[in-house]
Protein backbone atom coordinates (compact mmCIF):
# COMPACT_ATOMS: atom_id res chain seq x y z
CA MET A 1 -54.63 14.27 -40.94
CA THR A 2 -54.15 17.20 -38.59
CA ASP A 3 -51.99 20.31 -38.97
CA ARG A 4 -51.94 21.16 -35.25
CA LEU A 5 -51.11 19.25 -32.08
CA VAL A 6 -51.16 20.42 -28.47
CA ILE A 7 -48.63 18.39 -26.47
CA ALA A 8 -48.28 18.65 -22.69
CA LEU A 9 -44.75 18.10 -21.39
CA ALA A 10 -45.11 16.70 -17.87
CA GLN A 11 -41.85 17.30 -15.98
CA LEU A 12 -42.68 15.28 -12.85
CA ASN A 13 -40.97 13.96 -9.72
CA PRO A 14 -41.82 10.24 -9.37
CA THR A 15 -40.93 8.15 -6.33
CA LEU A 16 -39.03 5.00 -7.17
CA GLY A 17 -41.11 1.91 -6.48
CA ASP A 18 -44.30 3.79 -5.63
CA VAL A 19 -46.19 2.55 -8.68
CA ARG A 20 -49.60 3.54 -7.31
CA GLY A 21 -48.39 7.00 -6.31
CA ASN A 22 -46.71 7.54 -9.66
CA ILE A 23 -49.81 6.46 -11.57
CA ASP A 24 -51.87 8.92 -9.50
CA LYS A 25 -49.34 11.66 -10.26
CA LEU A 26 -49.60 10.91 -13.99
CA ARG A 27 -53.38 10.91 -13.70
CA ARG A 28 -53.41 14.35 -12.06
CA ALA A 29 -51.02 15.70 -14.70
CA ARG A 30 -53.25 14.30 -17.43
CA ASP A 31 -56.27 16.05 -15.90
CA GLU A 32 -54.35 19.34 -16.04
CA ALA A 33 -53.34 18.63 -19.64
CA ARG A 34 -56.98 17.90 -20.55
CA GLN A 35 -58.14 21.20 -19.09
CA ALA A 36 -55.52 22.97 -21.22
CA GLY A 37 -56.81 21.29 -24.37
CA ALA A 38 -53.89 18.91 -24.93
CA ASP A 39 -54.11 16.11 -27.49
CA LEU A 40 -51.18 14.22 -25.98
CA MET A 41 -49.14 14.25 -22.76
CA LEU A 42 -45.50 13.14 -22.67
CA ALA A 43 -44.02 11.85 -19.40
CA SER A 44 -40.38 11.14 -18.59
CA GLU A 45 -38.37 7.93 -18.87
CA LEU A 46 -39.69 5.14 -16.58
CA ALA A 47 -42.13 7.59 -14.98
CA VAL A 48 -44.34 4.70 -13.83
CA SER A 49 -41.63 2.93 -11.81
CA GLY A 50 -39.28 5.82 -11.10
CA TYR A 51 -35.74 5.96 -12.44
CA PRO A 52 -33.35 4.20 -12.14
CA PRO A 53 -35.24 1.12 -10.86
CA GLU A 54 -32.11 -1.09 -10.79
CA ASP A 55 -32.80 -4.65 -9.64
CA LEU A 56 -36.43 -3.92 -8.78
CA VAL A 57 -37.25 -4.82 -12.38
CA LEU A 58 -35.96 -8.35 -11.71
CA LYS A 59 -38.89 -8.84 -9.32
CA PRO A 60 -41.96 -10.32 -11.08
CA PHE A 61 -44.36 -8.89 -8.46
CA PHE A 62 -43.03 -5.40 -9.19
CA LEU A 63 -43.54 -5.80 -12.94
CA ASP A 64 -47.03 -7.17 -12.24
CA ALA A 65 -47.86 -4.00 -10.32
CA VAL A 66 -46.47 -1.84 -13.11
CA GLU A 67 -48.54 -3.63 -15.76
CA GLU A 68 -51.69 -3.42 -13.65
CA GLY A 69 -51.21 0.32 -13.12
CA VAL A 70 -50.47 0.99 -16.79
CA ARG A 71 -53.53 -0.90 -18.03
CA GLU A 72 -55.72 0.87 -15.49
CA LEU A 73 -54.41 4.22 -16.72
CA ALA A 74 -54.82 3.17 -20.35
CA ALA A 75 -58.49 2.37 -19.76
CA GLU A 76 -59.03 6.03 -18.85
CA THR A 77 -57.89 7.27 -22.28
CA VAL A 78 -61.10 6.47 -24.17
CA GLU A 79 -61.36 10.24 -24.34
CA GLY A 80 -58.24 12.40 -24.71
CA PRO A 81 -55.63 13.33 -24.10
CA ALA A 82 -53.54 10.32 -25.00
CA LEU A 83 -50.41 9.52 -22.98
CA LEU A 84 -46.84 8.69 -23.90
CA ILE A 85 -45.36 7.22 -20.72
CA GLY A 86 -42.06 5.61 -19.80
CA THR A 87 -42.23 2.29 -17.97
CA PRO A 88 -40.56 -1.09 -17.57
CA TRP A 89 -42.44 -3.48 -19.85
CA ARG A 90 -42.33 -7.21 -20.51
CA ASP A 91 -42.41 -8.42 -24.09
CA ASN A 92 -41.78 -11.99 -25.26
CA GLY A 93 -40.14 -12.94 -21.98
CA ARG A 94 -37.77 -9.96 -21.89
CA VAL A 95 -37.96 -6.74 -19.86
CA HIS A 96 -37.50 -3.47 -21.71
CA ASN A 97 -37.09 0.19 -20.87
CA ALA A 98 -40.18 1.20 -22.83
CA VAL A 99 -42.36 4.08 -23.87
CA LEU A 100 -46.03 3.26 -24.38
CA LEU A 101 -48.77 5.16 -26.18
CA LEU A 102 -51.98 4.92 -24.15
CA ASP A 103 -54.86 5.94 -26.37
CA GLY A 104 -58.44 4.91 -27.03
CA GLY A 105 -58.65 2.98 -23.78
CA LYS A 106 -55.73 0.64 -24.49
CA VAL A 107 -51.96 0.32 -24.93
CA ALA A 108 -51.96 1.44 -28.55
CA ALA A 109 -48.21 1.22 -29.29
CA SER A 110 -44.89 0.42 -27.64
CA ARG A 111 -41.28 1.28 -28.39
CA PHE A 112 -38.22 0.00 -26.56
CA LYS A 113 -34.96 1.75 -25.71
CA HIS A 114 -32.30 0.61 -28.15
CA ASP A 115 -29.08 2.07 -26.74
CA LEU A 116 -28.77 1.00 -23.10
CA PRO A 117 -26.14 3.00 -21.16
CA ASN A 118 -23.65 1.04 -19.10
CA TYR A 119 -21.17 3.65 -17.84
CA GLY A 120 -20.87 6.03 -14.90
CA VAL A 121 -23.99 5.71 -12.74
CA PHE A 122 -25.86 3.74 -15.42
CA ASP A 123 -26.13 -0.05 -15.45
CA GLU A 124 -29.14 -0.69 -17.70
CA LYS A 125 -27.67 -3.67 -19.54
CA ARG A 126 -27.84 -5.52 -16.24
CA VAL A 127 -31.63 -5.39 -16.03
CA PHE A 128 -33.06 -4.46 -19.45
CA ALA A 129 -32.99 -6.03 -22.88
CA ALA A 130 -32.16 -3.70 -25.76
CA GLY A 131 -34.98 -3.06 -28.18
CA PRO A 132 -34.69 -3.07 -31.98
CA MET A 133 -34.20 0.13 -33.94
CA PRO A 134 -37.52 1.92 -33.47
CA GLY A 135 -39.88 3.23 -36.10
CA PRO A 136 -42.24 6.18 -35.61
CA ILE A 137 -45.56 5.89 -33.74
CA PRO A 138 -48.66 6.95 -35.73
CA PHE A 139 -50.84 9.40 -33.81
CA ARG A 140 -53.69 11.49 -35.23
CA GLY A 141 -52.12 11.29 -38.69
CA VAL A 142 -48.68 12.37 -37.40
CA ARG A 143 -45.65 10.05 -37.23
CA LEU A 144 -44.00 10.60 -33.84
CA GLY A 145 -40.38 9.65 -33.28
CA VAL A 146 -39.90 8.65 -29.65
CA PRO A 147 -36.26 7.81 -28.94
CA ILE A 148 -35.56 7.23 -25.23
CA CYS A 149 -32.81 9.24 -23.50
CA GLU A 150 -29.51 7.55 -24.48
CA ASP A 151 -30.96 6.83 -27.93
CA ILE A 152 -30.24 10.44 -28.94
CA TRP A 153 -26.64 10.56 -27.67
CA THR A 154 -25.46 8.97 -30.90
CA PRO A 155 -26.89 9.61 -34.40
CA ASP A 156 -28.12 6.11 -35.30
CA VAL A 157 -31.57 5.93 -33.68
CA VAL A 158 -32.66 9.41 -34.78
CA GLU A 159 -31.35 8.70 -38.29
CA CYS A 160 -33.44 5.53 -38.39
CA LEU A 161 -36.54 7.39 -37.23
CA GLN A 162 -36.04 10.15 -39.79
CA GLU A 163 -35.52 7.66 -42.60
CA THR A 164 -38.67 5.74 -41.63
CA GLY A 165 -40.86 8.83 -41.70
CA ALA A 166 -40.82 10.48 -38.28
CA GLU A 167 -42.10 14.07 -38.46
CA LEU A 168 -41.11 15.32 -35.00
CA LEU A 169 -39.18 13.93 -32.02
CA LEU A 170 -40.46 13.54 -28.45
CA VAL A 171 -37.72 12.31 -26.12
CA PRO A 172 -38.43 11.06 -22.55
CA ASN A 173 -35.31 11.29 -20.36
CA GLY A 174 -33.90 10.33 -16.99
CA SER A 175 -30.75 12.44 -17.13
CA PRO A 176 -29.11 13.18 -13.75
CA TYR A 177 -27.70 16.59 -12.94
CA GLU A 178 -24.00 17.29 -12.94
CA ALA A 179 -22.19 20.60 -13.27
CA GLY A 180 -21.93 21.63 -16.92
CA LYS A 181 -24.23 18.91 -18.24
CA ALA A 182 -26.97 21.30 -19.42
CA GLU A 183 -24.70 22.62 -22.15
CA GLN A 184 -23.79 19.06 -23.15
CA ARG A 185 -27.45 18.04 -23.43
CA LEU A 186 -28.27 21.10 -25.51
CA GLN A 187 -25.42 20.39 -27.91
CA ILE A 188 -26.50 16.76 -28.31
CA VAL A 189 -30.05 17.83 -29.15
CA LEU A 190 -28.84 20.49 -31.58
CA ASN A 191 -26.72 17.88 -33.32
CA ARG A 192 -29.67 15.51 -33.76
CA VAL A 193 -31.99 18.32 -34.91
CA THR A 194 -29.43 19.53 -37.44
CA GLU A 195 -28.81 16.02 -38.78
CA SER A 196 -32.46 15.05 -39.05
CA GLY A 197 -34.17 18.36 -39.78
CA LEU A 198 -36.78 17.46 -37.12
CA ALA A 199 -37.85 19.57 -34.15
CA MET A 200 -37.30 17.90 -30.78
CA ALA A 201 -38.86 18.10 -27.31
CA TYR A 202 -36.40 16.97 -24.61
CA LEU A 203 -38.38 16.07 -21.47
CA ASN A 204 -36.36 15.27 -18.36
CA GLN A 205 -37.35 13.86 -14.97
CA VAL A 206 -37.01 16.04 -11.86
CA GLY A 207 -36.28 14.96 -8.28
CA GLY A 208 -33.81 13.22 -6.02
CA GLN A 209 -33.15 9.48 -6.01
CA ASP A 210 -30.49 8.30 -3.57
CA GLU A 211 -27.31 10.04 -4.78
CA LEU A 212 -28.78 11.22 -8.09
CA VAL A 213 -30.61 14.48 -8.65
CA PHE A 214 -32.66 14.97 -11.80
CA ASP A 215 -32.85 18.66 -12.59
CA GLY A 216 -35.68 18.72 -15.12
CA ALA A 217 -34.69 21.76 -17.21
CA SER A 218 -36.62 20.28 -20.15
CA PHE A 219 -36.66 22.18 -23.43
CA VAL A 220 -37.83 22.20 -27.04
CA ILE A 221 -35.61 22.95 -30.05
CA GLY A 222 -37.19 24.00 -33.34
CA ARG A 223 -36.31 22.68 -36.78
CA ASN A 224 -33.94 25.64 -37.33
CA GLY A 225 -32.11 25.03 -34.06
CA GLY A 226 -33.86 27.80 -32.11
CA LEU A 227 -34.93 27.40 -28.49
CA ARG A 228 -38.74 27.26 -28.49
CA ARG A 229 -39.45 26.40 -24.86
CA GLN A 230 -37.41 26.08 -21.66
CA LEU A 231 -38.94 24.57 -18.52
CA PRO A 232 -37.71 25.41 -15.01
CA SER A 233 -34.99 23.50 -13.18
CA PHE A 234 -35.35 21.50 -9.94
CA ARG A 235 -39.14 21.63 -9.76
CA GLU A 236 -42.17 19.99 -11.30
CA HIS A 237 -43.83 21.77 -14.20
CA ILE A 238 -46.34 20.99 -16.92
CA ALA A 239 -45.80 22.94 -20.13
CA ILE A 240 -48.48 23.11 -22.81
CA THR A 241 -46.78 23.27 -26.20
CA GLU A 242 -48.37 23.92 -29.57
CA TRP A 243 -47.04 22.19 -32.69
CA VAL A 244 -47.99 23.14 -36.25
CA ARG A 245 -47.36 21.62 -39.65
CA GLY A 246 -45.74 24.09 -42.08
CA GLU A 247 -44.48 23.81 -45.61
CA GLU A 248 -41.19 22.33 -44.42
CA GLY A 249 -42.62 20.11 -41.69
CA TRP A 250 -43.67 20.19 -38.05
CA ASP A 251 -42.39 22.77 -35.61
CA CYS A 252 -43.13 24.04 -32.10
CA VAL A 253 -44.59 27.47 -31.50
CA GLU A 254 -42.42 29.67 -29.30
CA GLY A 255 -43.46 30.02 -25.67
CA GLU A 256 -42.13 30.59 -22.17
CA ARG A 257 -38.40 30.14 -21.70
CA ILE A 258 -37.15 30.06 -18.10
CA ALA A 259 -33.38 30.46 -18.01
CA PRO A 260 -31.73 27.55 -16.15
CA PRO A 261 -29.46 28.35 -13.19
CA GLU A 262 -25.71 28.18 -13.69
CA GLY A 263 -22.60 27.74 -11.57
CA VAL A 264 -23.01 27.67 -7.79
CA GLU A 265 -26.71 28.51 -8.07
CA ALA A 266 -27.32 25.24 -9.93
CA ILE A 267 -25.10 23.27 -7.53
CA TYR A 268 -26.98 24.67 -4.55
CA GLY A 269 -30.32 23.86 -6.17
CA ALA A 270 -29.23 20.26 -6.69
CA MET A 271 -28.07 19.96 -3.08
CA VAL A 272 -31.37 21.26 -1.73
CA LEU A 273 -33.52 19.02 -3.94
CA GLY A 274 -31.34 15.96 -3.35
CA LEU A 275 -31.53 16.31 0.43
CA ARG A 276 -35.23 17.20 0.48
CA ASP A 277 -36.24 14.15 -1.54
CA TYR A 278 -33.90 11.79 0.32
CA VAL A 279 -35.37 12.82 3.67
CA ASN A 280 -38.99 13.00 2.54
CA LYS A 281 -39.10 9.92 0.30
CA ASN A 282 -37.46 7.86 3.06
CA ARG A 283 -39.91 9.34 5.59
CA PHE A 284 -37.42 10.78 8.06
CA PRO A 285 -38.96 13.42 10.34
CA GLY A 286 -35.92 15.66 9.90
CA VAL A 287 -32.15 15.83 10.24
CA LEU A 288 -29.61 16.11 13.02
CA ILE A 289 -26.37 18.02 12.46
CA GLY A 290 -23.23 18.36 14.55
CA LEU A 291 -22.69 22.13 14.29
CA SER A 292 -19.02 22.78 15.00
CA GLY A 293 -18.62 26.46 14.19
CA GLY A 294 -16.83 25.51 10.96
CA ILE A 295 -17.85 26.22 7.41
CA ASP A 296 -18.79 22.68 6.35
CA SER A 297 -21.36 22.13 9.09
CA ALA A 298 -22.66 25.70 8.66
CA LEU A 299 -23.27 25.22 4.93
CA SER A 300 -24.81 21.80 5.54
CA ALA A 301 -27.20 23.37 8.05
CA ALA A 302 -28.13 26.14 5.61
CA VAL A 303 -28.92 23.61 2.87
CA ALA A 304 -30.95 21.53 5.33
CA VAL A 305 -33.03 24.51 6.42
CA ASP A 306 -33.62 25.58 2.82
CA ALA A 307 -34.65 22.01 1.96
CA LEU A 308 -36.77 21.09 4.98
CA GLY A 309 -37.51 24.19 7.06
CA ALA A 310 -35.91 25.19 10.36
CA ASP A 311 -38.35 23.16 12.47
CA ARG A 312 -37.04 19.89 10.96
CA VAL A 313 -33.35 20.67 11.55
CA HIS A 314 -31.82 20.01 14.99
CA CYS A 315 -28.24 21.14 15.55
CA VAL A 316 -25.96 19.99 18.35
CA MET A 317 -22.68 21.54 19.46
CA LEU A 318 -20.30 18.89 20.84
CA PRO A 319 -17.42 20.84 22.42
CA SER A 320 -14.23 19.32 23.77
CA PRO A 321 -11.53 21.00 25.87
CA TYR A 322 -9.92 22.05 22.55
CA THR A 323 -13.00 23.84 21.21
CA SER A 324 -12.39 27.59 21.00
CA GLN A 325 -14.78 30.25 22.21
CA ASP A 326 -14.90 31.54 18.64
CA SER A 327 -16.28 28.19 17.50
CA LEU A 328 -18.89 28.18 20.25
CA ASP A 329 -19.94 31.72 19.36
CA ASP A 330 -19.96 31.04 15.60
CA ALA A 331 -22.10 27.91 15.95
CA ALA A 332 -24.56 29.80 18.14
CA GLY A 333 -24.65 32.70 15.68
CA CYS A 334 -25.26 30.38 12.73
CA ALA A 335 -28.06 28.55 14.53
CA GLU A 336 -29.69 31.85 15.46
CA THR A 337 -29.66 33.23 11.91
CA LEU A 338 -31.05 29.96 10.53
CA GLY A 339 -33.66 29.74 13.27
CA VAL A 340 -32.79 26.17 14.27
CA ARG A 341 -32.68 24.49 17.64
CA LEU A 342 -29.14 24.23 19.04
CA ASP A 343 -28.20 22.05 22.00
CA SER A 344 -24.74 21.66 23.51
CA ILE A 345 -23.35 18.39 24.86
CA SER A 346 -19.75 18.33 26.09
CA ILE A 347 -17.75 15.27 25.06
CA ALA A 348 -15.17 15.86 27.82
CA PRO A 349 -16.70 13.17 30.08
CA ALA A 350 -16.53 10.65 27.24
CA MET A 351 -12.90 11.56 26.54
CA GLN A 352 -12.08 11.04 30.22
CA ALA A 353 -13.91 7.72 30.28
CA PHE A 354 -12.04 6.43 27.24
CA GLU A 355 -8.74 7.64 28.68
CA ALA A 356 -9.41 5.70 31.87
CA MET A 357 -10.61 2.60 30.03
CA LEU A 358 -7.57 2.47 27.75
CA ALA A 359 -4.93 3.62 30.22
CA PRO A 360 -3.67 0.11 31.14
CA LEU A 361 -3.04 -0.75 27.49
CA PHE A 362 -1.87 2.72 26.43
CA GLU A 363 0.64 3.06 29.31
CA GLY A 364 3.95 4.38 27.98
CA ALA A 365 2.52 5.22 24.53
CA THR A 366 2.76 8.78 23.25
CA PRO A 367 -0.59 10.51 22.52
CA ASP A 368 -1.19 10.75 18.77
CA ILE A 369 -4.00 10.65 16.23
CA THR A 370 -5.62 7.85 18.24
CA GLU A 371 -6.74 10.31 20.90
CA GLU A 372 -7.94 12.74 18.22
CA ASN A 373 -10.06 10.05 16.61
CA ILE A 374 -11.58 9.12 19.97
CA GLN A 375 -12.98 12.66 20.15
CA SER A 376 -14.54 12.37 16.71
CA ARG A 377 -15.99 8.95 17.53
CA ALA A 378 -17.42 10.23 20.81
CA ARG A 379 -19.25 12.86 18.78
CA GLY A 380 -20.46 10.22 16.32
CA VAL A 381 -21.80 7.99 19.10
CA THR A 382 -23.60 10.95 20.67
CA LEU A 383 -25.26 12.04 17.42
CA MET A 384 -26.29 8.48 16.60
CA ALA A 385 -27.79 8.09 20.09
CA LEU A 386 -29.90 11.20 19.53
CA SER A 387 -30.87 9.90 16.10
CA ASN A 388 -31.95 6.53 17.50
CA LYS A 389 -33.91 8.13 20.31
CA PHE A 390 -35.76 10.78 18.30
CA GLY A 391 -35.74 9.41 14.73
CA LYS A 392 -34.02 12.25 12.87
CA MET A 393 -31.32 11.27 10.38
CA VAL A 394 -27.75 12.38 11.08
CA LEU A 395 -26.46 14.55 8.25
CA THR A 396 -22.70 14.21 7.84
CA THR A 397 -20.76 17.33 6.94
CA GLY A 398 -17.52 16.19 5.31
CA ASN A 399 -16.61 17.60 1.88
CA LYS A 400 -15.07 15.97 -1.20
CA SER A 401 -11.59 17.32 -0.52
CA GLU A 402 -11.54 15.64 2.90
CA MET A 403 -13.07 12.40 1.64
CA SER A 404 -10.56 12.29 -1.22
CA VAL A 405 -7.53 12.24 1.06
CA GLY A 406 -9.04 10.45 4.06
CA TYR A 407 -9.11 13.53 6.29
CA ALA A 408 -12.09 12.10 8.16
CA THR A 409 -12.60 9.63 10.99
CA LEU A 410 -14.23 6.31 10.24
CA TYR A 411 -17.12 5.76 12.69
CA GLY A 412 -16.62 9.36 13.83
CA ASP A 413 -17.44 12.39 11.71
CA MET A 414 -18.32 9.93 8.92
CA CYS A 415 -21.30 8.65 10.96
CA GLY A 416 -24.63 9.48 9.40
CA GLY A 417 -27.21 8.70 6.78
CA TYR A 418 -26.53 11.28 4.06
CA SER A 419 -24.08 13.99 3.01
CA VAL A 420 -24.88 17.06 0.95
CA LEU A 421 -21.18 17.99 0.64
CA LYS A 422 -19.90 14.57 -0.43
CA ASP A 423 -19.27 15.78 -4.00
CA VAL A 424 -18.30 19.39 -3.14
CA TYR A 425 -14.64 20.39 -2.99
CA LYS A 426 -13.61 22.71 -0.15
CA THR A 427 -13.01 25.69 -2.42
CA THR A 428 -16.57 25.28 -3.75
CA VAL A 429 -17.85 25.13 -0.17
CA TYR A 430 -16.55 28.68 0.28
CA GLU A 431 -18.12 29.82 -3.01
CA LEU A 432 -21.48 28.33 -2.07
CA SER A 433 -21.40 29.91 1.39
CA ARG A 434 -20.67 33.38 0.05
CA TRP A 435 -23.37 33.00 -2.62
CA ARG A 436 -26.02 31.82 -0.12
CA ASN A 437 -25.27 34.81 2.11
CA GLN A 438 -26.20 37.07 -0.80
CA VAL A 439 -29.09 35.15 -2.40
CA LEU A 440 -32.28 33.50 -1.16
CA PRO A 441 -32.85 30.68 -3.68
CA GLU A 442 -36.27 30.24 -5.24
CA GLY A 443 -38.30 27.77 -3.23
CA ALA A 444 -35.91 27.83 -0.25
CA MET A 445 -37.53 27.46 3.17
CA GLY A 446 -34.76 29.32 5.00
CA PRO A 447 -34.36 33.03 5.76
CA ALA A 448 -33.07 35.73 3.45
CA GLY A 449 -29.82 37.57 4.14
CA ARG A 450 -26.61 36.37 5.76
CA VAL A 451 -27.08 32.89 7.22
CA ILE A 452 -23.41 31.96 7.73
CA PRO A 453 -21.45 34.34 10.00
CA GLU A 454 -18.56 36.02 8.20
CA ARG A 455 -15.94 34.74 10.64
CA ILE A 456 -16.88 31.15 9.77
CA ILE A 457 -15.96 31.93 6.16
CA THR A 458 -12.76 33.88 6.86
CA LYS A 459 -11.11 31.91 9.68
CA ALA A 460 -8.62 29.11 9.00
CA PRO A 461 -10.39 25.74 8.85
CA THR A 462 -9.61 23.40 11.74
CA ALA A 463 -10.84 20.14 13.24
CA GLU A 464 -9.93 21.42 16.74
CA LEU A 465 -8.77 18.02 17.97
CA LYS A 466 -5.62 19.43 19.57
CA PRO A 467 -4.32 22.88 20.53
CA ASN A 468 -3.80 25.44 17.70
CA GLN A 469 -4.61 22.89 14.98
CA THR A 470 -5.45 23.87 11.38
CA ASP A 471 -6.20 21.72 8.33
CA GLN A 472 -3.07 23.04 6.62
CA ASP A 473 -0.91 21.38 9.30
CA THR A 474 -1.80 18.14 7.52
CA LEU A 475 -2.95 19.08 4.02
CA PRO A 476 -1.70 21.34 1.20
CA PRO A 477 -3.58 24.66 0.84
CA TYR A 478 -7.07 23.90 -0.42
CA ASP A 479 -6.74 25.81 -3.70
CA ALA A 480 -3.74 23.65 -4.65
CA LEU A 481 -5.21 20.46 -3.18
CA ASP A 482 -8.52 20.85 -5.00
CA ASP A 483 -6.86 21.49 -8.35
CA ILE A 484 -4.71 18.38 -7.92
CA LEU A 485 -7.74 16.33 -6.86
CA ASN A 486 -9.79 17.58 -9.79
CA CYS A 487 -7.00 16.44 -12.11
CA LEU A 488 -6.75 13.03 -10.44
CA VAL A 489 -10.44 12.29 -9.85
CA GLU A 490 -12.38 14.09 -12.57
CA GLU A 491 -9.79 14.10 -15.37
CA GLU A 492 -7.61 11.04 -14.62
CA LYS A 493 -4.43 13.01 -15.37
CA SER A 494 -0.95 11.64 -14.80
CA VAL A 495 1.55 13.05 -12.30
CA ASP A 496 3.55 14.59 -15.15
CA GLU A 497 0.47 16.35 -16.53
CA ILE A 498 -0.42 17.77 -13.11
CA VAL A 499 3.14 18.90 -12.44
CA ALA A 500 3.03 20.72 -15.80
CA ARG A 501 0.20 22.84 -14.34
CA GLY A 502 2.68 24.25 -11.83
CA HIS A 503 2.33 21.86 -8.89
CA ASP A 504 5.22 20.42 -6.91
CA ARG A 505 5.88 16.79 -7.89
CA ALA A 506 6.29 15.60 -4.30
CA THR A 507 2.97 17.20 -3.34
CA VAL A 508 1.17 15.61 -6.28
CA ALA A 509 2.60 12.20 -5.45
CA ARG A 510 1.60 12.63 -1.80
CA VAL A 511 -1.97 13.56 -2.70
CA TRP A 512 -2.18 10.55 -5.03
CA ARG A 513 -1.03 8.28 -2.19
CA LEU A 514 -3.59 9.78 0.19
CA LEU A 515 -6.35 9.41 -2.42
CA ASP A 516 -5.47 5.78 -3.04
CA ARG A 517 -5.16 4.81 0.61
CA ALA A 518 -8.50 6.36 1.59
CA GLU A 519 -10.55 4.15 -0.73
CA TYR A 520 -11.54 1.83 2.12
CA LYS A 521 -12.97 4.78 4.04
CA ARG A 522 -14.99 6.04 1.09
CA ARG A 523 -16.57 2.59 0.65
CA GLN A 524 -18.03 3.03 4.14
CA ALA A 525 -19.21 6.60 3.71
CA PRO A 526 -22.92 7.49 3.52
CA PRO A 527 -24.54 8.39 0.20
CA GLY A 528 -24.50 12.01 -0.92
CA VAL A 529 -25.65 14.27 -3.74
CA LYS A 530 -23.86 13.67 -7.05
CA LEU A 531 -22.78 17.03 -8.48
CA THR A 532 -19.69 16.36 -10.60
CA ARG A 533 -18.81 14.04 -13.46
CA ARG A 534 -16.97 11.65 -11.10
CA ASN A 535 -18.54 11.38 -7.66
CA PHE A 536 -17.33 8.86 -5.09
CA GLY A 537 -19.78 6.08 -5.87
CA ARG A 538 -20.61 4.21 -9.06
CA ASP A 539 -18.96 6.93 -11.15
CA ARG A 540 -15.54 5.95 -9.80
CA ARG A 541 -14.83 2.28 -9.09
CA TYR A 542 -11.35 1.63 -7.80
CA PRO A 543 -10.17 -1.48 -5.93
CA ILE A 544 -9.28 -1.05 -2.28
CA THR A 545 -6.37 -3.48 -2.57
CA ASN A 546 -3.97 -2.45 -5.33
CA SER A 547 -0.31 -1.61 -5.77
CA THR A 548 -0.41 1.09 -8.44
CA LEU A 549 1.38 3.48 -6.08
CA SER A 550 4.59 1.71 -7.06
CA LEU A 551 4.13 3.07 -10.59
CA ILE A 552 4.31 6.79 -9.71
């Protein structure tokens, strides 16, 4: 029996499906843990496969590769440190979300996730079988409780572990970032520590996976509820933690605590990491952005430069006869401060060509939104042509406010492969832009100082598809619109509840109608970074065809 354990917490960024690469990453982390004198290294949930693997775990060849990699890694543990790793694992004909103890050259123990989440972005019941209530894992004379992620969000699993003799809790997680979630995680852990009297290490994955961003921000809570360790957010890190057995049980020795970012700083960090990993893990050489002189494209360009570096960001100005000189100047100024290439391609010839092509059928019809959408689609075709020719991915620049109410052109400004603003309301776009002008984020590849010209932030937003146009010709003021949308999308409030907040009933009803009618557009939008509790994706699943508008 030992009275001291050194446990390495490996907060890593796996690549989904890259079993060989993930095994190598775990191997390198284990080497670092060995050099630091660790007895055991804990990795995150499904670190071998990447998380969430979705229907990949229905493929036998994929599970074969996972098992081969795990057994190869296990064979290397004849000498320490041992490993606790998350992986898909077959047992008696069923596939589990598992954690395995690799020790002594073999798979020494296995435990399976009991509480499979099936809400929001999670769909684990589709592909995994639930495991039984787990007991502790014996290791060097210590009984380790290893609940997996969702297993700690209710009391039952931790209660079972405590009652069956667990002496400390090591929790591998795949918990995606969303604004305000750090406080929720901390409270959940504090609840379980208080109920069980056991110290807990909460180890979270880091990295981007499609629309999800895992922020890491792992931490350890002592038996008395005190914060013992806090790992950084949005980057890989291996923390060496020391655990000692006292008169009242096991606890973690205090160590480095790196305060997690909050507010717009955290949102910006998630945007940068989400875009960086989407581009790099999908092997795009860079991104292509239509830089309009407006705030959305300017912020998108700033995030792209911070994520990828200026040399991998190509901006294109696509002016029409309605584009103001201010917009031309602002786009040029933004490109200069960011250090990116900026080309200009007029869409006037395309507009003239479409006008001539359609003239016989449009004869006698009054110009309307059709002609405005042709401009947007001409821009989309041009950007996609450049993307096809040179390989860079088009980054769309629409924000959540616009996507909510359909203020976007299908096959026009919605063209592209990814969107960093998809889950960012317009009012938050302004907050992020002002913050970035004052702060150079840690790890950012862009320049310090003002990167978005002040006039871009202060001028009235406009699509510039006709003379003297502004967004507020069509939409309510953004502060009112965003509050109404937050109530409808994030909080599912009724019209009466929103009106009670001081909004005009007719405006609320109009926004609801716009939100409902734009569902078909959102189904065709590119993926984008999830930042809120209810992003437009698997978080929010509404039918395109429905008649609920008759109820309001």
